[in-house]
């Protein structure tokens, strides 16, 4: 059983490191832009986001001009969960079943 936990942890690291270090725009999200219009000061735009944006990597400061904030949608959070928890769990579970 301890080997399954180790396999889960290693698979989690192998999957999460590239997702947090490289700007891979895989996850659905929304970007809130400042328009400067008095009637509608903000505009929400659907966009593919990378997890590296949330740790401050993968974008230039020039790209963030006029951007108030950005966040993942429900579908984006589901994909993050599937990539970071689901796939490592399936890999560890498969190794556990193979061992038994």
PDB file of N, CA and C in Angstrom:
ATOM      1  N   UNK A   1       0.823  -1.197   0.000  1.00  0.00           N
ATOM      2  CA  UNK A   1       0.000   0.000   0.000  1.00  0.00           C
ATOM      3  C   UNK A   1       0.870   1.265   0.000  1.00  0.00           C
ATOM      4  N   UNK A   2       2.009   1.224   0.702  1.00  0.00           N
ATOM      5  CA  UNK A   2       2.896   2.384   0.735  1.00  0.00           C
ATOM      6  C   UNK A   2       3.460   2.696  -0.645  1.00  0.00           C
ATOM      7  N   UNK A   3       3.668   1.658  -1.453  1.00  0.00           N
ATOM      8  CA  UNK A   3       4.182   1.866  -2.795  1.00  0.00           C
ATOM      9  C   UNK A   3       3.149   2.620  -3.651  1.00  0.00           C
ATOM     10  N   UNK A   4       1.877   2.377  -3.428  1.00  0.00           N
ATOM     11  CA  UNK A   4       0.824   3.076  -4.175  1.00  0.00           C
ATOM     12  C   UNK A   4       0.822   4.564  -3.841  1.00  0.00           C
ATOM     13  N   UNK A   5       1.033   4.898  -2.580  1.00  0.00           N
ATOM     14  CA  UNK A   5       1.121   6.307  -2.193  1.00  0.00           C
ATOM     15  C   UNK A   5       2.324   6.983  -2.853  1.00  0.00           C
ATOM     16  N   UNK A   6       3.435   6.279  -2.909  1.00  0.00           N
ATOM     17  CA  UNK A   6       4.630   6.817  -3.553  1.00  0.00           C
ATOM     18  C   UNK A   6       4.399   7.020  -5.053  1.00  0.00           C
ATOM     19  N   UNK A   7       3.754   6.065  -5.687  1.00  0.00           N
ATOM     20  CA  UNK A   7       3.450   6.196  -7.111  1.00  0.00           C
ATOM     21  C   UNK A   7       2.505   7.368  -7.343  1.00  0.00           C
ATOM     22  N   UNK A   8       1.503   7.543  -6.471  1.00  0.00           N
ATOM     23  CA  UNK A   8       0.597   8.685  -6.595  1.00  0.00           C
ATOM     24  C   UNK A   8       1.365   9.995  -6.480  1.00  0.00           C
ATOM     25  N   UNK A   9       2.232  10.101  -5.501  1.00  0.00           N
ATOM     26  CA  UNK A   9       3.001  11.329  -5.280  1.00  0.00           C
ATOM     27  C   UNK A   9       3.928  11.626  -6.459  1.00  0.00           C
ATOM     28  N   UNK A  10       4.596  10.621  -6.980  1.00  0.00           N
ATOM     29  CA  UNK A  10       5.505  10.821  -8.112  1.00  0.00           C
ATOM     30  C   UNK A  10       4.717  11.222  -9.360  1.00  0.00           C
ATOM     31  N   UNK A  11       3.588  10.558  -9.599  1.00  0.00           N
ATOM     32  CA  UNK A  11       2.757  10.909 -10.757  1.00  0.00           C
ATOM     33  C   UNK A  11       2.204  12.325 -10.611  1.00  0.00           C
ATOM     34  N   UNK A  12       1.818  12.701  -9.391  1.00  0.00           N
ATOM     35  CA  UNK A  12       1.338  14.059  -9.140  1.00  0.00           C
ATOM     36  C   UNK A  12       2.416  15.085  -9.482  1.00  0.00           C
ATOM     37  N   UNK A  13       3.636  14.834  -9.047  1.00  0.00           N
ATOM     38  CA  UNK A  13       4.742  15.756  -9.338  1.00  0.00           C
ATOM     39  C   UNK A  13       5.057  15.823 -10.826  1.00  0.00           C
ATOM     40  N   UNK A  14       5.070  14.676 -11.483  1.00  0.00           N
ATOM     41  CA  UNK A  14       5.390  14.648 -12.914  1.00  0.00           C
ATOM     42  C   UNK A  14       4.343  15.422 -13.717  1.00  0.00           C
ATOM     43  N   UNK A  15       3.097  15.354 -13.314  1.00  0.00           N
ATOM     44  CA  UNK A  15       2.037  16.056 -14.033  1.00  0.00           C
ATOM     45  C   UNK A  15       1.979  17.529 -13.641  1.00  0.00           C
ATOM     46  N   UNK A  16       2.128  17.836 -12.366  1.00  0.00           N
ATOM     47  CA  UNK A  16       1.922  19.213 -11.902  1.00  0.00           C
ATOM     48  C   UNK A  16       3.089  20.146 -12.217  1.00  0.00           C
ATOM     49  N   UNK A  17       4.305  19.651 -12.226  1.00  0.00           N
ATOM     50  CA  UNK A  17       5.453  20.536 -12.477  1.00  0.00           C
ATOM     51  C   UNK A  17       5.356  21.220 -13.840  1.00  0.00           C
ATOM     52  N   UNK A  18       5.123  20.498 -14.937  1.00  0.00           N
ATOM     53  CA  UNK A  18       4.991  21.214 -16.220  1.00  0.00           C
ATOM     54  C   UNK A  18       3.774  22.141 -16.270  1.00  0.00           C
ATOM     55  N   UNK A  19       2.686  21.750 -15.619  1.00  0.00           N
ATOM     56  CA  UNK A  19       1.490  22.594 -15.654  1.00  0.00           C
ATOM     57  C   UNK A  19       1.695  23.909 -14.915  1.00  0.00           C
ATOM     58  N   UNK A  20       2.508  23.900 -13.869  1.00  0.00           N
ATOM     59  CA  UNK A  20       2.747  25.120 -13.105  1.00  0.00           C
ATOM     60  C   UNK A  20       3.960  25.915 -13.598  1.00  0.00           C
ATOM     61  N   UNK A  21       4.852  25.300 -14.374  1.00  0.00           N
ATOM     62  CA  UNK A  21       6.049  26.013 -14.825  1.00  0.00           C
ATOM     63  C   UNK A  21       5.947  26.538 -16.253  1.00  0.00           C
ATOM     64  N   UNK A  22       5.201  25.864 -17.108  1.00  0.00           N
ATOM     65  CA  UNK A  22       5.115  26.263 -18.512  1.00  0.00           C
ATOM     66  C   UNK A  22       3.732  26.826 -18.821  1.00  0.00           C
ATOM     67  N   UNK A  23       3.650  27.813 -19.695  1.00  0.00           N
ATOM     68  CA  UNK A  23       2.347  28.414 -20.025  1.00  0.00           C
ATOM     69  C   UNK A  23       1.546  27.547 -20.999  1.00  0.00           C
ATOM     70  N   UNK A  24       0.997  26.465 -20.496  1.00  0.00           N
ATOM     71  CA  UNK A  24       0.153  25.566 -21.290  1.00  0.00           C
ATOM     72  C   UNK A  24      -1.304  25.969 -21.069  1.00  0.00           C
ATOM     73  N   UNK A  25      -1.884  26.631 -22.023  1.00  0.00           N
ATOM     74  CA  UNK A  25      -3.254  27.142 -21.889  1.00  0.00           C
ATOM     75  C   UNK A  25      -4.252  26.017 -22.150  1.00  0.00           C
ATOM     76  N   UNK A  26      -4.551  25.253 -21.105  1.00  0.00           N
ATOM     77  CA  UNK A  26      -5.416  24.088 -21.224  1.00  0.00           C
ATOM     78  C   UNK A  26      -6.756  24.247 -20.516  1.00  0.00           C
ATOM     79  N   UNK A  27      -6.861  25.159 -19.577  1.00  0.00           N
ATOM     80  CA  UNK A  27      -7.996  25.182 -18.673  1.00  0.00           C
ATOM     81  C   UNK A  27      -8.928  26.352 -18.972  1.00  0.00           C
ATOM     82  N   UNK A  28     -10.233  26.085 -19.130  1.00  0.00           N
ATOM     83  CA  UNK A  28     -11.189  27.159 -19.423  1.00  0.00           C
ATOM     84  C   UNK A  28     -11.307  28.128 -18.246  1.00  0.00           C
ATOM     85  N   UNK A  29     -11.286  29.389 -18.574  1.00  0.00           N
ATOM     86  CA  UNK A  29     -11.397  30.416 -17.554  1.00  0.00           C
ATOM     87  C   UNK A  29     -11.975  31.687 -18.130  1.00  0.00           C
ATOM     88  N   UNK A  30     -11.978  32.725 -17.326  1.00  0.00           N
ATOM     89  CA  UNK A  30     -12.472  34.029 -17.747  1.00  0.00           C
ATOM     90  C   UNK A  30     -11.488  35.105 -17.305  1.00  0.00           C
ATOM     91  N   UNK A  31     -11.341  36.103 -18.152  1.00  0.00           N
ATOM     92  CA  UNK A  31     -10.460  37.233 -17.884  1.00  0.00           C
ATOM     93  C   UNK A  31     -11.335  38.470 -17.767  1.00  0.00           C
ATOM     94  N   UNK A  32     -11.156  39.241 -16.695  1.00  0.00           N
ATOM     95  CA  UNK A  32     -11.899  40.482 -16.485  1.00  0.00           C
ATOM     96  C   UNK A  32     -11.012  41.625 -16.967  1.00  0.00           C
ATOM     97  N   UNK A  33     -11.470  42.310 -18.018  1.00  0.00           N
ATOM     98  CA  UNK A  33     -10.719  43.415 -18.608  1.00  0.00           C
ATOM     99  C   UNK A  33     -11.342  44.742 -18.208  1.00  0.00           C
ATOM    100  N   UNK A  34     -10.501  45.737 -17.984  1.00  0.00           N
ATOM    101  CA  UNK A  34     -10.972  47.088 -17.715  1.00  0.00           C
ATOM    102  C   UNK A  34     -11.124  47.809 -19.051  1.00  0.00           C
ATOM    103  N   UNK A  35     -12.348  48.299 -19.352  1.00  0.00           N
ATOM    104  CA  UNK A  35     -12.592  48.922 -20.654  1.00  0.00           C
ATOM    105  C   UNK A  35     -12.402  50.426 -20.623  1.00  0.00           C
ATOM    106  N   UNK A  36     -12.549  51.060 -19.482  1.00  0.00           N
ATOM    107  CA  UNK A  36     -12.444  52.515 -19.403  1.00  0.00           C
ATOM    108  C   UNK A  36     -13.759  53.208 -19.703  1.00  0.00           C
ATOM    109  N   UNK A  37     -14.780  52.457 -20.028  1.00  0.00           N
ATOM    110  CA  UNK A  37     -16.109  53.002 -20.295  1.00  0.00           C
ATOM    111  C   UNK A  37     -16.838  53.206 -18.972  1.00  0.00           C
ATOM    112  N   UNK A  38     -17.498  54.369 -18.796  1.00  0.00           N
ATOM    113  CA  UNK A  38     -18.181  54.648 -17.537  1.00  0.00           C
ATOM    114  C   UNK A  38     -19.423  53.783 -17.350  1.00  0.00           C
ATOM    115  N   UNK A  39     -20.116  53.464 -18.442  1.00  0.00           N
ATOM    116  CA  UNK A  39     -21.323  52.653 -18.328  1.00  0.00           C
ATOM    117  C   UNK A  39     -21.011  51.189 -18.074  1.00  0.00           C
ATOM    118  N   UNK A  40     -19.975  50.683 -18.677  1.00  0.00           N
ATOM    119  CA  UNK A  40     -19.574  49.287 -18.528  1.00  0.00           C
ATOM    120  C   UNK A  40     -18.064  49.248 -18.312  1.00  0.00           C
ATOM    121  N   UNK A  41     -17.598  49.433 -17.066  1.00  0.00           N
ATOM    122  CA  UNK A  41     -16.153  49.541 -16.822  1.00  0.00           C
ATOM    123  C   UNK A  41     -15.390  48.220 -16.963  1.00  0.00           C
ATOM    124  N   UNK A  42     -16.100  47.090 -16.931  1.00  0.00           N
ATOM    125  CA  UNK A  42     -15.437  45.793 -17.011  1.00  0.00           C
ATOM    126  C   UNK A  42     -16.048  44.951 -18.122  1.00  0.00           C
ATOM    127  N   UNK A  43     -15.211  44.145 -18.745  1.00  0.00           N
ATOM    128  CA  UNK A  43     -15.655  43.218 -19.768  1.00  0.00           C
ATOM    129  C   UNK A  43     -15.086  41.857 -19.424  1.00  0.00           C
ATOM    130  N   UNK A  44     -15.926  40.824 -19.456  1.00  0.00           N
ATOM    131  CA  UNK A  44     -15.486  39.468 -19.154  1.00  0.00           C
ATOM    132  C   UNK A  44     -15.332  38.711 -20.461  1.00  0.00           C
ATOM    133  N   UNK A  45     -14.142  38.123 -20.644  1.00  0.00           N
ATOM    134  CA  UNK A  45     -13.815  37.414 -21.870  1.00  0.00           C
ATOM    135  C   UNK A  45     -13.460  35.970 -21.516  1.00  0.00           C
ATOM    136  N   UNK A  46     -14.051  35.017 -22.240  1.00  0.00           N
ATOM    137  CA  UNK A  46     -13.672  33.621 -22.057  1.00  0.00           C
ATOM    138  C   UNK A  46     -12.290  33.398 -22.650  1.00  0.00           C
ATOM    139  N   UNK A  47     -11.464  32.643 -21.937  1.00  0.00           N
ATOM    140  CA  UNK A  47     -10.100  32.386 -22.405  1.00  0.00           C
ATOM    141  C   UNK A  47      -9.601  31.069 -21.832  1.00  0.00           C
ATOM    142  N   UNK A  48      -8.651  30.486 -22.511  1.00  0.00           N
ATOM    143  CA  UNK A  48      -7.946  29.324 -21.992  1.00  0.00           C
ATOM    144  C   UNK A  48      -6.810  29.840 -21.114  1.00  0.00           C
ATOM    145  N   UNK A  49      -6.729  29.339 -19.894  1.00  0.00           N
ATOM    146  CA  UNK A  49      -5.726  29.794 -18.944  1.00  0.00           C
ATOM    147  C   UNK A  49      -4.766  28.667 -18.587  1.00  0.00           C
ATOM    148  N   UNK A  50      -3.615  29.060 -18.116  1.00  0.00           N
ATOM    149  CA  UNK A  50      -2.606  28.120 -17.656  1.00  0.00           C
ATOM    150  C   UNK A  50      -2.481  28.232 -16.140  1.00  0.00           C
ATOM    151  N   UNK A  51      -2.112  27.143 -15.502  1.00  0.00           N
ATOM    152  CA  UNK A  51      -1.906  27.188 -14.047  1.00  0.00           C
ATOM    153  C   UNK A  51      -0.686  28.019 -13.691  1.00  0.00           C
ATOM    154  N   UNK A  52       0.229  28.182 -14.629  1.00  0.00           N
ATOM    155  CA  UNK A  52       1.418  28.984 -14.349  1.00  0.00           C
ATOM    156  C   UNK A  52       1.066  30.452 -14.145  1.00  0.00           C
ATOM    157  N   UNK A  53      -0.043  30.917 -14.707  1.00  0.00           N
ATOM    158  CA  UNK A  53      -0.467  32.306 -14.501  1.00  0.00           C
ATOM    159  C   UNK A  53      -0.799  32.576 -13.034  1.00  0.00           C
ATOM    160  N   UNK A  54      -1.301  31.573 -12.342  1.00  0.00           N
ATOM    161  CA  UNK A  54      -1.727  31.752 -10.964  1.00  0.00           C
ATOM    162  C   UNK A  54      -0.563  31.797  -9.976  1.00  0.00           C
ATOM    163  N   UNK A  55       0.614  31.347 -10.413  1.00  0.00           N
ATOM    164  CA  UNK A  55       1.803  31.438  -9.556  1.00  0.00           C
ATOM    165  C   UNK A  55       2.747  32.524 -10.048  1.00  0.00           C
ATOM    166  N   UNK A  56       2.319  33.289 -11.064  1.00  0.00           N
ATOM    167  CA  UNK A  56       3.102  34.424 -11.531  1.00  0.00           C
ATOM    168  C   UNK A  56       4.112  34.104 -12.611  1.00  0.00           C
ATOM    169  N   UNK A  57       3.996  32.951 -13.245  1.00  0.00           N
ATOM    170  CA  UNK A  57       4.908  32.573 -14.324  1.00  0.00           C
ATOM    171  C   UNK A  57       4.142  32.497 -15.637  1.00  0.00           C
ATOM    172  N   UNK A  58       4.844  32.622 -16.747  1.00  0.00           N
ATOM    173  CA  UNK A  58       4.243  32.344 -18.031  1.00  0.00           C
ATOM    174  C   UNK A  58       3.622  33.520 -18.758  1.00  0.00           C
ATOM    175  N   UNK A  59       3.650  34.701 -18.193  1.00  0.00           N
ATOM    176  CA  UNK A  59       3.121  35.855 -18.919  1.00  0.00           C
ATOM    177  C   UNK A  59       4.023  37.057 -18.677  1.00  0.00           C
ATOM    178  N   UNK A  60       3.997  37.995 -19.623  1.00  0.00           N
ATOM    179  CA  UNK A  60       4.759  39.230 -19.492  1.00  0.00           C
ATOM    180  C   UNK A  60       3.890  40.285 -18.823  1.00  0.00           C
ATOM    181  N   UNK A  61       4.509  41.242 -18.186  1.00  0.00           N
ATOM    182  CA  UNK A  61       3.734  42.304 -17.540  1.00  0.00           C
ATOM    183  C   UNK A  61       2.998  43.155 -18.577  1.00  0.00           C
ATOM    184  N   UNK A  62       3.525  43.210 -19.812  1.00  0.00           N
ATOM    185  CA  UNK A  62       2.848  43.952 -20.873  1.00  0.00           C
ATOM    186  C   UNK A  62       1.536  43.281 -21.271  1.00  0.00           C
ATOM    187  N   UNK A  63       1.474  41.952 -21.145  1.00  0.00           N
ATOM    188  CA  UNK A  63       0.254  41.222 -21.475  1.00  0.00           C
ATOM    189  C   UNK A  63      -0.863  41.488 -20.469  1.00  0.00           C
ATOM    190  N   UNK A  64      -0.515  41.936 -19.292  1.00  0.00           N
ATOM    191  CA  UNK A  64      -1.498  42.123 -18.229  1.00  0.00           C
ATOM    192  C   UNK A  64      -2.028  43.557 -18.143  1.00  0.00           C
ATOM    193  N   UNK A  65      -1.670  44.407 -19.088  1.00  0.00           N
ATOM    194  CA  UNK A  65      -2.179  45.781 -19.095  1.00  0.00           C
ATOM    195  C   UNK A  65      -3.669  45.734 -19.404  1.00  0.00           C
ATOM    196  N   UNK A  66      -4.468  46.332 -18.543  1.00  0.00           N
ATOM    197  CA  UNK A  66      -5.915  46.350 -18.716  1.00  0.00           C
ATOM    198  C   UNK A  66      -6.622  45.138 -18.155  1.00  0.00           C
ATOM    199  N   UNK A  67      -5.901  44.205 -17.583  1.00  0.00           N
ATOM    200  CA  UNK A  67      -6.506  43.010 -16.997  1.00  0.00           C
ATOM    201  C   UNK A  67      -6.693  43.241 -15.506  1.00  0.00           C
ATOM    202  N   UNK A  68      -7.945  43.165 -15.072  1.00  0.00           N
ATOM    203  CA  UNK A  68      -8.223  43.339 -13.646  1.00  0.00           C
ATOM    204  C   UNK A  68      -7.967  42.037 -12.893  1.00  0.00           C
ATOM    205  N   UNK A  69      -8.489  40.932 -13.413  1.00  0.00           N
ATOM    206  CA  UNK A  69      -8.278  39.633 -12.783  1.00  0.00           C
ATOM    207  C   UNK A  69      -8.588  38.533 -13.787  1.00  0.00           C
ATOM    208  N   UNK A  70      -8.269  37.324 -13.411  1.00  0.00           N
ATOM    209  CA  UNK A  70      -8.595  36.147 -14.204  1.00  0.00           C
ATOM    210  C   UNK A  70      -8.841  35.000 -13.254  1.00  0.00           C
ATOM    211  N   UNK A  71      -9.709  34.090 -13.666  1.00  0.00           N
ATOM    212  CA  UNK A  71     -10.066  32.962 -12.811  1.00  0.00           C
ATOM    213  C   UNK A  71     -10.545  31.807 -13.672  1.00  0.00           C
ATOM    214  N   UNK A  72     -10.555  30.618 -13.092  1.00  0.00           N
ATOM    215  CA  UNK A  72     -11.025  29.425 -13.779  1.00  0.00           C
ATOM    216  C   UNK A  72     -12.536  29.303 -13.619  1.00  0.00           C
ATOM    217  N   UNK A  73     -13.167  28.724 -14.619  1.00  0.00           N
ATOM    218  CA  UNK A  73     -14.590  28.418 -14.535  1.00  0.00           C
ATOM    219  C   UNK A  73     -14.757  27.065 -13.840  1.00  0.00           C
ATOM    220  N   UNK A  74     -15.993  26.640 -13.661  1.00  0.00           N
ATOM    221  CA  UNK A  74     -16.255  25.348 -13.029  1.00  0.00           C
ATOM    222  C   UNK A  74     -15.645  24.215 -13.845  1.00  0.00           C
ATOM    223  N   UNK A  75     -15.772  24.305 -15.157  1.00  0.00           N
ATOM    224  CA  UNK A  75     -15.163  23.295 -16.034  1.00  0.00           C
ATOM    225  C   UNK A  75     -13.641  23.307 -15.893  1.00  0.00           C
ATOM    226  N   UNK A  76     -13.053  24.476 -15.715  1.00  0.00           N
ATOM    227  CA  UNK A  76     -11.610  24.585 -15.518  1.00  0.00           C
ATOM    228  C   UNK A  76     -11.158  23.932 -14.223  1.00  0.00           C
ATOM    229  N   UNK A  77     -11.916  24.167 -13.138  1.00  0.00           N
ATOM    230  CA  UNK A  77     -11.573  23.528 -11.867  1.00  0.00           C
ATOM    231  C   UNK A  77     -11.703  22.013 -11.963  1.00  0.00           C
ATOM    232  N   UNK A  78     -12.721  21.550 -12.693  1.00  0.00           N
ATOM    233  CA  UNK A  78     -12.882  20.111 -12.871  1.00  0.00           C
ATOM    234  C   UNK A  78     -11.692  19.514 -13.613  1.00  0.00           C
ATOM    235  N   UNK A  79     -11.222  20.192 -14.666  1.00  0.00           N
ATOM    236  CA  UNK A  79     -10.067  19.694 -15.407  1.00  0.00           C
ATOM    237  C   UNK A  79      -8.796  19.708 -14.567  1.00  0.00           C
ATOM    238  N   UNK A  80      -8.624  20.738 -13.748  1.00  0.00           N
ATOM    239  CA  UNK A  80      -7.468  20.783 -12.850  1.00  0.00           C
ATOM    240  C   UNK A  80      -7.518  19.598 -11.891  1.00  0.00           C
ATOM    241  N   UNK A  81      -8.692  19.321 -11.331  1.00  0.00           N
ATOM    242  CA  UNK A  81      -8.845  18.183 -10.427  1.00  0.00           C
ATOM    243  C   UNK A  81      -8.539  16.877 -11.159  1.00  0.00           C
ATOM    244  N   UNK A  82      -9.043  16.745 -12.386  1.00  0.00           N
ATOM    245  CA  UNK A  82      -8.807  15.520 -13.153  1.00  0.00           C
ATOM    246  C   UNK A  82      -7.327  15.326 -13.452  1.00  0.00           C
ATOM    247  N   UNK A  83      -6.641  16.404 -13.834  1.00  0.00           N
ATOM    248  CA  UNK A  83      -5.222  16.296 -14.157  1.00  0.00           C
ATOM    249  C   UNK A  83      -4.372  16.046 -12.916  1.00  0.00           C
ATOM    250  N   UNK A  84      -4.617  16.801 -11.840  1.00  0.00           N
ATOM    251  CA  UNK A  84      -3.727  16.746 -10.672  1.00  0.00           C
ATOM    252  C   UNK A  84      -4.057  15.639  -9.681  1.00  0.00           C
ATOM    253  N   UNK A  85      -5.312  15.239  -9.580  1.00  0.00           N
ATOM    254  CA  UNK A  85      -5.698  14.209  -8.622  1.00  0.00           C
ATOM    255  C   UNK A  85      -6.157  12.939  -9.338  1.00  0.00           C
ATOM    256  N   UNK A  86      -6.991  13.087 -10.353  1.00  0.00           N
ATOM    257  CA  UNK A  86      -7.589  11.932 -11.019  1.00  0.00           C
ATOM    258  C   UNK A  86      -6.589  11.024 -11.707  1.00  0.00           C
ATOM    259  N   UNK A  87      -5.754  11.582 -12.582  1.00  0.00           N
ATOM    260  CA  UNK A  87      -4.781  10.747 -13.298  1.00  0.00           C
ATOM    261  C   UNK A  87      -3.768  10.089 -12.369  1.00  0.00           C
ATOM    262  N   UNK A  88      -3.170  10.808 -11.418  1.00  0.00           N
ATOM    263  CA  UNK A  88      -2.259  10.113 -10.491  1.00  0.00           C
ATOM    264  C   UNK A  88      -2.967   9.025  -9.672  1.00  0.00           C
ATOM    265  N   UNK A  89      -4.235   9.275  -9.303  1.00  0.00           N
ATOM    266  CA  UNK A  89      -4.981   8.260  -8.564  1.00  0.00           C
ATOM    267  C   UNK A  89      -5.179   7.009  -9.420  1.00  0.00           C
ATOM    268  N   UNK A  90      -5.548   7.193 -10.685  1.00  0.00           N
ATOM    269  CA  UNK A  90      -5.747   6.035 -11.563  1.00  0.00           C
ATOM    270  C   UNK A  90      -4.448   5.259 -11.779  1.00  0.00           C
ATOM    271  N   UNK A  91      -3.349   5.967 -11.906  1.00  0.00           N
ATOM    272  CA  UNK A  91      -2.054   5.305 -12.078  1.00  0.00           C
ATOM    273  C   UNK A  91      -1.696   4.517 -10.816  1.00  0.00           C
ATOM    274  N   UNK A  92      -1.877   5.124  -9.648  1.00  0.00           N
ATOM    275  CA  UNK A  92      -1.568   4.435  -8.388  1.00  0.00           C
ATOM    276  C   UNK A  92      -2.510   3.261  -8.158  1.00  0.00           C
ATOM    277  N   UNK A  93      -3.772   3.432  -8.489  1.00  0.00           N
ATOM    278  CA  UNK A  93      -4.751   2.345  -8.305  1.00  0.00           C
ATOM    279  C   UNK A  93      -4.434   1.177  -9.226  1.00  0.00           C
ATOM    280  N   UNK A  94      -4.030   1.496 -10.440  1.00  0.00           N
ATOM    281  CA  UNK A  94      -3.661   0.425 -11.384  1.00  0.00           C
ATOM    282  C   UNK A  94      -2.445  -0.355 -10.862  1.00  0.00           C
ATOM    283  N   UNK A  95      -1.468   0.350 -10.312  1.00  0.00           N
ATOM    284  CA  UNK A  95      -0.306  -0.351  -9.769  1.00  0.00           C
ATOM    285  C   UNK A  95      -0.688  -1.181  -8.549  1.00  0.00           C
ATOM    286  N   UNK A  96      -1.635  -0.691  -7.756  1.00  0.00           N
ATOM    287  CA  UNK A  96      -2.115  -1.432  -6.585  1.00  0.00           C
ATOM    288  C   UNK A  96      -2.818  -2.720  -7.028  1.00  0.00           C
ATOM    289  N   UNK A  97      -3.666  -2.618  -8.062  1.00  0.00           N
ATOM    290  CA  UNK A  97      -4.354  -3.810  -8.557  1.00  0.00           C
ATOM    291  C   UNK A  97      -3.395  -4.799  -9.189  1.00  0.00           C
ATOM    292  N   UNK A  98      -2.393  -4.303  -9.876  1.00  0.00           N
ATOM    293  CA  UNK A  98      -1.412  -5.169 -10.516  1.00  0.00           C
ATOM    294  C   UNK A  98      -0.614  -5.941  -9.471  1.00  0.00           C
ATOM    295  N   UNK A  99      -0.320  -5.261  -8.329  1.00  0.00           N
ATOM    296  CA  UNK A  99       0.442  -5.903  -7.267  1.00  0.00           C
ATOM    297  C   UNK A  99      -0.366  -6.996  -6.582  1.00  0.00           C
ATOM    298  N   UNK A 100      -1.666  -6.790  -6.461  1.00  0.00           N
ATOM    299  CA  UNK A 100      -2.523  -7.795  -5.810  1.00  0.00           C
ATOM    300  C   UNK A 100      -2.956  -8.756  -6.833  1.00  0.00           C
TER     301      UNK A 100
END
